[in-house]
Amino acid sequence: MLAGQVVDNIWATRKADSLIGLKLMVVRLLDGVNDGKLVISVDTIGAGIGERVILCEGSSARKMLGQDSIPVDSVIVGIIDEDCHF
């Protein structure tokens, strides 16, 4: 899992049928290694622009959507309320 911040949403009128009805968001990664890298994630929980989120990637992301064949590599699975600093 990765941490990120939602920076915008994506509108795509032409896309694969399996993506119809999914909310797509642009997320800036905040994981230390890939800081600043932008990814497009499916929003499953109603995150808003500016919120810090938890992302799930790869096959785990597709499992969150209940379809292994959907062309998705990143899904927002949580909203971060507070960071822990060790």
Protein backbone atom coordinates (compact mmCIF):
# COMPACT_ATOMS: atom_id res chain seq x y z
CA MET A 1 0.00 0.00 0.00
CA LEU A 2 1.05 3.58 -0.63
CA ALA A 3 0.13 7.00 0.72
CA GLY A 4 -0.86 9.86 -1.56
CA GLN A 5 -2.82 13.08 -1.88
CA VAL A 6 -5.72 13.54 -4.29
CA VAL A 7 -4.95 16.48 -6.59
CA ASP A 8 -7.68 16.32 -9.24
CA ASN A 9 -10.29 14.16 -10.91
CA ILE A 10 -10.26 12.66 -14.42
CA TRP A 11 -13.12 12.72 -16.91
CA ALA A 12 -12.88 10.28 -19.80
CA THR A 13 -15.85 10.07 -22.17
CA ARG A 14 -14.21 7.29 -24.19
CA LYS A 15 -12.89 4.37 -22.16
CA ALA A 16 -13.08 0.61 -21.77
CA ASP A 17 -16.61 -0.55 -20.93
CA SER A 18 -15.37 -2.05 -17.65
CA LEU A 19 -14.39 1.46 -16.47
CA ILE A 20 -17.85 2.96 -16.97
CA GLY A 21 -19.24 4.20 -13.67
CA LEU A 22 -15.88 4.31 -11.88
CA LYS A 23 -14.65 7.60 -10.37
CA LEU A 24 -11.07 8.31 -11.48
CA MET A 25 -8.77 10.58 -9.46
CA VAL A 26 -5.23 11.92 -9.93
CA VAL A 27 -3.13 11.14 -6.84
CA ARG A 28 0.34 12.49 -6.00
CA LEU A 29 2.34 9.82 -4.16
CA LEU A 30 3.74 10.66 -0.73
CA ASP A 31 5.67 7.46 0.01
CA GLY A 32 9.20 8.85 0.27
CA VAL A 33 10.57 6.91 -2.71
CA ASN A 34 8.17 8.15 -5.38
CA ASP A 35 7.27 11.53 -3.83
CA GLY A 36 5.52 13.69 -6.40
CA LYS A 37 4.82 10.93 -8.92
CA LEU A 38 1.25 11.17 -10.25
CA VAL A 39 -0.98 8.12 -10.66
CA ILE A 40 -4.59 7.67 -11.70
CA SER A 41 -6.61 5.73 -9.12
CA VAL A 42 -10.16 4.48 -8.94
CA ASP A 43 -11.92 6.06 -5.95
CA THR A 44 -14.01 3.48 -4.08
CA ILE A 45 -14.66 5.51 -0.94
CA GLY A 46 -15.53 9.07 -1.99
CA ALA A 47 -12.21 10.83 -1.40
CA GLY A 48 -12.06 14.51 -2.26
CA ILE A 49 -9.42 16.77 -3.77
CA GLY A 50 -6.77 17.64 -1.17
CA GLU A 51 -7.35 14.57 1.01
CA ARG A 52 -4.50 12.24 1.89
CA VAL A 53 -5.36 8.67 0.96
CA ILE A 54 -4.18 5.06 1.11
CA LEU A 55 -3.72 3.34 -2.25
CA CYS A 56 -3.74 -0.33 -3.10
CA GLU A 57 -1.99 -1.33 -6.34
CA GLY A 58 -1.73 -4.24 -8.76
CA SER A 59 -3.84 -7.37 -8.45
CA SER A 60 -4.96 -6.28 -4.98
CA ALA A 61 -6.51 -3.17 -6.55
CA ARG A 62 -8.50 -5.27 -9.00
CA LYS A 63 -9.71 -7.51 -6.17
CA MET A 64 -11.07 -4.43 -4.39
CA LEU A 65 -13.29 -3.89 -7.44
CA GLY A 66 -14.34 -7.54 -7.52
CA GLN A 67 -13.05 -8.10 -11.06
CA ASP A 68 -9.66 -9.55 -11.92
CA SER A 69 -10.01 -8.64 -15.60
CA ILE A 70 -10.63 -4.88 -15.15
CA PRO A 71 -7.76 -2.69 -16.49
CA VAL A 72 -7.01 -0.94 -13.17
CA ASP A 73 -3.70 -0.77 -11.32
CA SER A 74 -4.49 1.61 -8.44
CA VAL A 75 -7.49 1.99 -6.10
CA ILE A 76 -8.08 4.41 -3.22
CA VAL A 77 -8.99 2.25 -0.22
CA GLY A 78 -8.77 4.68 2.71
CA ILE A 79 -8.62 8.32 3.78
CA ILE A 80 -5.79 9.23 6.17
CA ASP A 81 -7.08 11.06 9.24
CA GLU A 82 -3.76 11.44 11.04
CA ASP A 83 -0.16 10.44 10.35
CA CYS A 84 1.91 8.41 12.78
CA HIS A 85 5.50 9.57 13.09
CA PHE A 86 7.94 7.04 14.48
